[in-house]
N, C-alpha and C. Protein backbone atom coordinates (compact mmCIF):
# COMPACT_ATOMS: atom_id res chain seq x y z
N MET A 1 -34.01 -85.37 -3.93
CA MET A 1 -33.61 -86.01 -2.69
C MET A 1 -32.11 -85.69 -2.60
N ILE A 2 -31.76 -85.35 -1.35
CA ILE A 2 -30.29 -85.14 -1.07
C ILE A 2 -29.64 -86.39 -0.58
N GLY A 3 -28.55 -86.69 -1.16
CA GLY A 3 -27.83 -87.95 -0.92
C GLY A 3 -27.39 -87.98 0.57
N PRO A 4 -27.15 -89.19 1.10
CA PRO A 4 -26.75 -89.37 2.41
C PRO A 4 -25.40 -88.79 2.77
N ALA A 5 -24.43 -88.83 1.89
CA ALA A 5 -23.20 -88.11 2.14
C ALA A 5 -23.30 -86.65 2.36
N ARG A 6 -24.19 -85.96 1.50
CA ARG A 6 -24.28 -84.58 1.61
C ARG A 6 -25.03 -84.19 2.85
N THR A 7 -26.07 -85.03 3.19
CA THR A 7 -26.82 -84.79 4.45
C THR A 7 -25.87 -84.92 5.74
N ALA A 8 -25.03 -85.95 5.65
CA ALA A 8 -24.08 -86.14 6.75
C ALA A 8 -23.01 -85.00 6.83
N ALA A 9 -22.66 -84.48 5.71
CA ALA A 9 -21.74 -83.33 5.63
C ALA A 9 -22.34 -82.09 6.27
N LEU A 10 -23.62 -81.85 5.85
CA LEU A 10 -24.31 -80.67 6.37
C LEU A 10 -24.43 -80.78 7.87
N THR A 11 -24.90 -81.96 8.33
CA THR A 11 -25.03 -82.03 9.82
C THR A 11 -23.74 -81.81 10.53
N ALA A 12 -22.65 -82.47 10.06
CA ALA A 12 -21.32 -82.25 10.65
C ALA A 12 -20.82 -80.83 10.64
N LEU A 13 -21.01 -80.18 9.50
CA LEU A 13 -20.61 -78.76 9.32
C LEU A 13 -21.36 -77.91 10.38
N ARG A 14 -22.64 -78.18 10.40
CA ARG A 14 -23.49 -77.25 11.42
C ARG A 14 -22.95 -77.49 12.82
N ALA A 15 -22.65 -78.74 13.11
CA ALA A 15 -22.14 -79.00 14.51
C ALA A 15 -20.87 -78.30 14.85
N VAL A 16 -20.01 -78.36 13.85
CA VAL A 16 -18.61 -77.70 13.97
C VAL A 16 -18.76 -76.25 14.06
N GLU A 17 -19.58 -75.61 13.13
CA GLU A 17 -19.73 -74.18 12.98
C GLU A 17 -20.40 -73.72 14.36
N ASP A 18 -21.34 -74.47 14.98
CA ASP A 18 -22.01 -74.13 16.16
C ASP A 18 -21.12 -74.33 17.34
N GLY A 19 -19.92 -74.88 17.28
CA GLY A 19 -19.07 -75.18 18.29
C GLY A 19 -19.51 -76.33 19.19
N ARG A 20 -20.41 -77.20 18.73
CA ARG A 20 -20.88 -78.34 19.56
C ARG A 20 -19.77 -79.47 19.54
N ILE A 21 -19.11 -79.62 18.42
CA ILE A 21 -18.03 -80.60 18.34
C ILE A 21 -16.86 -80.13 17.45
N ASP A 22 -15.73 -80.80 17.59
CA ASP A 22 -14.54 -80.42 16.79
C ASP A 22 -14.57 -81.22 15.52
N LEU A 23 -13.63 -80.85 14.61
CA LEU A 23 -13.65 -81.48 13.33
C LEU A 23 -13.37 -83.02 13.39
N PRO A 24 -12.38 -83.48 14.13
CA PRO A 24 -12.15 -84.89 14.11
C PRO A 24 -13.41 -85.69 14.63
N THR A 25 -14.08 -85.15 15.67
CA THR A 25 -15.35 -85.84 16.09
C THR A 25 -16.35 -85.81 15.07
N ALA A 26 -16.54 -84.67 14.34
CA ALA A 26 -17.54 -84.62 13.31
C ALA A 26 -17.29 -85.68 12.24
N LEU A 27 -16.05 -85.78 11.84
CA LEU A 27 -15.64 -86.79 10.81
C LEU A 27 -15.99 -88.17 11.24
N VAL A 28 -15.64 -88.53 12.49
CA VAL A 28 -15.98 -89.87 13.08
C VAL A 28 -17.45 -90.03 13.09
N GLN A 29 -18.21 -89.14 13.58
CA GLN A 29 -19.65 -89.33 13.55
C GLN A 29 -20.33 -89.43 12.24
N SER A 30 -19.77 -88.66 11.20
CA SER A 30 -20.26 -88.80 9.88
C SER A 30 -19.99 -90.18 9.34
N ARG A 31 -18.80 -90.67 9.53
CA ARG A 31 -18.47 -92.04 9.08
C ARG A 31 -19.40 -93.08 9.67
N GLU A 32 -19.70 -92.89 10.95
CA GLU A 32 -20.61 -93.95 11.66
C GLU A 32 -22.04 -93.96 10.98
N ARG A 33 -22.49 -92.82 10.43
CA ARG A 33 -23.84 -92.67 9.94
C ARG A 33 -23.91 -93.33 8.46
N LEU A 34 -22.84 -93.37 7.86
CA LEU A 34 -22.84 -93.84 6.44
C LEU A 34 -22.23 -95.27 6.29
N GLN A 35 -22.98 -96.00 5.49
CA GLN A 35 -22.44 -97.43 5.31
C GLN A 35 -21.55 -97.62 4.09
N ASP A 36 -21.77 -96.86 3.03
CA ASP A 36 -20.97 -96.96 1.80
C ASP A 36 -19.68 -96.20 1.90
N ASP A 37 -18.58 -96.84 1.56
CA ASP A 37 -17.29 -96.21 1.64
C ASP A 37 -17.19 -94.88 0.73
N ARG A 38 -17.87 -94.94 -0.35
CA ARG A 38 -17.91 -93.78 -1.31
C ARG A 38 -18.60 -92.66 -0.67
N ASP A 39 -19.72 -92.87 0.02
CA ASP A 39 -20.41 -91.87 0.76
C ASP A 39 -19.52 -91.19 1.89
N ARG A 40 -18.82 -92.21 2.66
CA ARG A 40 -17.91 -91.69 3.68
C ARG A 40 -16.82 -90.71 3.12
N ALA A 41 -16.27 -91.17 2.00
CA ALA A 41 -15.23 -90.35 1.29
C ALA A 41 -15.72 -89.00 0.93
N LEU A 42 -16.90 -89.01 0.21
CA LEU A 42 -17.44 -87.79 -0.15
C LEU A 42 -17.82 -86.91 0.96
N ALA A 43 -18.42 -87.42 1.97
CA ALA A 43 -18.77 -86.61 3.17
C ALA A 43 -17.50 -85.95 3.80
N ALA A 44 -16.53 -86.67 3.88
CA ALA A 44 -15.25 -86.16 4.56
C ALA A 44 -14.60 -85.16 3.64
N ASP A 45 -14.64 -85.32 2.35
CA ASP A 45 -14.10 -84.31 1.43
C ASP A 45 -14.86 -83.01 1.54
N ILE A 46 -16.17 -83.16 1.59
CA ILE A 46 -17.09 -81.90 1.62
C ILE A 46 -16.84 -81.16 2.96
N ILE A 47 -16.77 -81.94 4.07
CA ILE A 47 -16.53 -81.34 5.39
C ILE A 47 -15.21 -80.65 5.43
N VAL A 48 -14.11 -81.37 5.15
CA VAL A 48 -12.83 -80.75 5.28
C VAL A 48 -12.60 -79.66 4.23
N GLY A 49 -13.06 -79.92 3.00
CA GLY A 49 -12.83 -78.85 1.98
C GLY A 49 -13.54 -77.56 2.26
N THR A 50 -14.88 -77.77 2.73
CA THR A 50 -15.72 -76.51 2.94
C THR A 50 -15.00 -75.69 4.11
N LEU A 51 -14.51 -76.39 5.17
CA LEU A 51 -13.80 -75.74 6.26
C LEU A 51 -12.48 -75.10 5.76
N ARG A 52 -11.85 -75.85 4.98
CA ARG A 52 -10.40 -75.34 4.47
C ARG A 52 -10.72 -74.02 3.58
N TRP A 53 -11.60 -74.05 2.78
CA TRP A 53 -11.93 -73.02 1.80
C TRP A 53 -12.92 -71.94 2.35
N ARG A 54 -13.25 -72.00 3.57
CA ARG A 54 -14.31 -71.23 4.17
C ARG A 54 -14.27 -69.68 3.87
N ALA A 55 -13.08 -69.21 4.10
CA ALA A 55 -12.89 -67.72 3.85
C ALA A 55 -13.27 -67.33 2.35
N ALA A 56 -12.67 -68.10 1.46
CA ALA A 56 -12.92 -67.79 0.02
C ALA A 56 -14.35 -68.01 -0.31
N LEU A 57 -14.98 -69.06 0.31
CA LEU A 57 -16.42 -69.36 -0.02
C LEU A 57 -17.28 -68.21 0.49
N ASP A 58 -16.90 -67.78 1.73
CA ASP A 58 -17.62 -66.68 2.30
C ASP A 58 -17.61 -65.44 1.44
N HIS A 59 -16.42 -65.11 0.99
CA HIS A 59 -16.20 -64.01 0.03
C HIS A 59 -17.21 -64.04 -1.13
N VAL A 60 -17.25 -65.15 -1.76
CA VAL A 60 -18.18 -65.33 -2.88
C VAL A 60 -19.57 -65.21 -2.46
N ILE A 61 -19.94 -65.74 -1.27
CA ILE A 61 -21.38 -65.61 -0.88
C ILE A 61 -21.69 -64.16 -0.62
N VAL A 62 -20.86 -63.44 0.04
CA VAL A 62 -21.10 -62.05 0.39
C VAL A 62 -21.24 -61.28 -0.95
N HIS A 63 -20.37 -61.57 -1.91
CA HIS A 63 -20.41 -60.79 -3.19
C HIS A 63 -21.67 -61.09 -3.93
N ILE A 64 -22.09 -62.35 -3.97
CA ILE A 64 -23.36 -62.68 -4.71
C ILE A 64 -24.52 -62.26 -4.07
N ALA A 65 -24.54 -62.41 -2.72
CA ALA A 65 -25.74 -62.16 -1.99
C ALA A 65 -25.96 -60.56 -1.74
N GLY A 66 -24.85 -59.91 -1.85
CA GLY A 66 -24.96 -58.48 -1.65
C GLY A 66 -25.19 -57.95 -0.22
N ARG A 67 -24.94 -58.90 0.70
CA ARG A 67 -25.20 -58.54 2.15
C ARG A 67 -24.09 -59.36 2.93
N SER A 68 -24.00 -58.97 4.25
CA SER A 68 -22.99 -59.62 5.07
C SER A 68 -23.61 -61.07 5.49
N LEU A 69 -22.80 -61.94 5.89
CA LEU A 69 -23.20 -63.34 6.28
C LEU A 69 -24.06 -63.22 7.50
N ASP A 70 -23.88 -62.33 8.48
CA ASP A 70 -24.68 -62.26 9.59
C ASP A 70 -26.09 -61.83 9.27
N ARG A 71 -26.37 -61.43 8.09
CA ARG A 71 -27.77 -61.06 7.67
C ARG A 71 -28.45 -62.18 7.02
N LEU A 72 -27.72 -63.37 6.92
CA LEU A 72 -28.33 -64.51 6.34
C LEU A 72 -28.52 -65.57 7.47
N ASP A 73 -29.52 -66.53 7.24
CA ASP A 73 -29.65 -67.50 8.20
C ASP A 73 -28.51 -68.44 8.29
N PRO A 74 -28.03 -68.83 9.46
CA PRO A 74 -26.82 -69.64 9.55
C PRO A 74 -26.80 -70.95 8.80
N GLU A 75 -27.99 -71.57 8.78
CA GLU A 75 -28.10 -72.89 8.08
C GLU A 75 -28.04 -72.60 6.58
N VAL A 76 -28.56 -71.57 6.10
CA VAL A 76 -28.54 -71.24 4.73
C VAL A 76 -27.04 -70.99 4.31
N VAL A 77 -26.30 -70.26 5.13
CA VAL A 77 -24.87 -69.99 4.93
C VAL A 77 -24.07 -71.29 4.84
N THR A 78 -24.36 -72.28 5.67
CA THR A 78 -23.71 -73.54 5.64
C THR A 78 -24.00 -74.28 4.28
N ILE A 79 -25.33 -74.26 3.95
CA ILE A 79 -25.65 -74.88 2.72
C ILE A 79 -25.11 -74.32 1.52
N LEU A 80 -24.93 -72.95 1.48
CA LEU A 80 -24.35 -72.23 0.39
C LEU A 80 -22.80 -72.61 0.35
N ARG A 81 -22.15 -72.55 1.48
CA ARG A 81 -20.70 -72.98 1.56
C ARG A 81 -20.47 -74.36 0.97
N LEU A 82 -21.25 -75.32 1.46
CA LEU A 82 -20.85 -76.70 0.96
C LEU A 82 -21.30 -76.85 -0.51
N SER A 83 -22.31 -76.18 -0.90
CA SER A 83 -22.72 -76.19 -2.39
C SER A 83 -21.58 -75.59 -3.17
N LEU A 84 -21.13 -74.37 -2.90
CA LEU A 84 -20.14 -73.70 -3.59
C LEU A 84 -18.87 -74.50 -3.55
N TYR A 85 -18.49 -75.11 -2.52
CA TYR A 85 -17.32 -76.01 -2.54
C TYR A 85 -17.37 -77.00 -3.53
N GLN A 86 -18.51 -77.74 -3.57
CA GLN A 86 -18.69 -78.78 -4.59
C GLN A 86 -18.71 -78.29 -5.88
N ILE A 87 -19.16 -77.04 -6.13
CA ILE A 87 -19.25 -76.56 -7.57
C ILE A 87 -17.82 -76.13 -7.99
N LEU A 88 -17.13 -75.45 -7.11
CA LEU A 88 -15.80 -74.86 -7.32
C LEU A 88 -14.66 -75.87 -7.29
N HIS A 89 -14.90 -76.92 -6.51
CA HIS A 89 -13.67 -77.76 -6.22
C HIS A 89 -14.14 -79.28 -6.58
């Protein structure tokens, strides 16, 4: 089972990457969905960190996948980004 902070982070990242909302709005919405302060902090860290390190994370994904990002499903790319961020940082 995926924890609520990670689910909220994925939802927020997908919305930001799709251009549906901006980062500050995504952070507010993720905070509203989470009741525990630790989950709020974790979700915010994942969201901001993944966006901050996006270029480096994308480089790793392309290298490991052996194909360009546009050949991967966008939701899979987002999941890989936030997963790599958590592993590396």
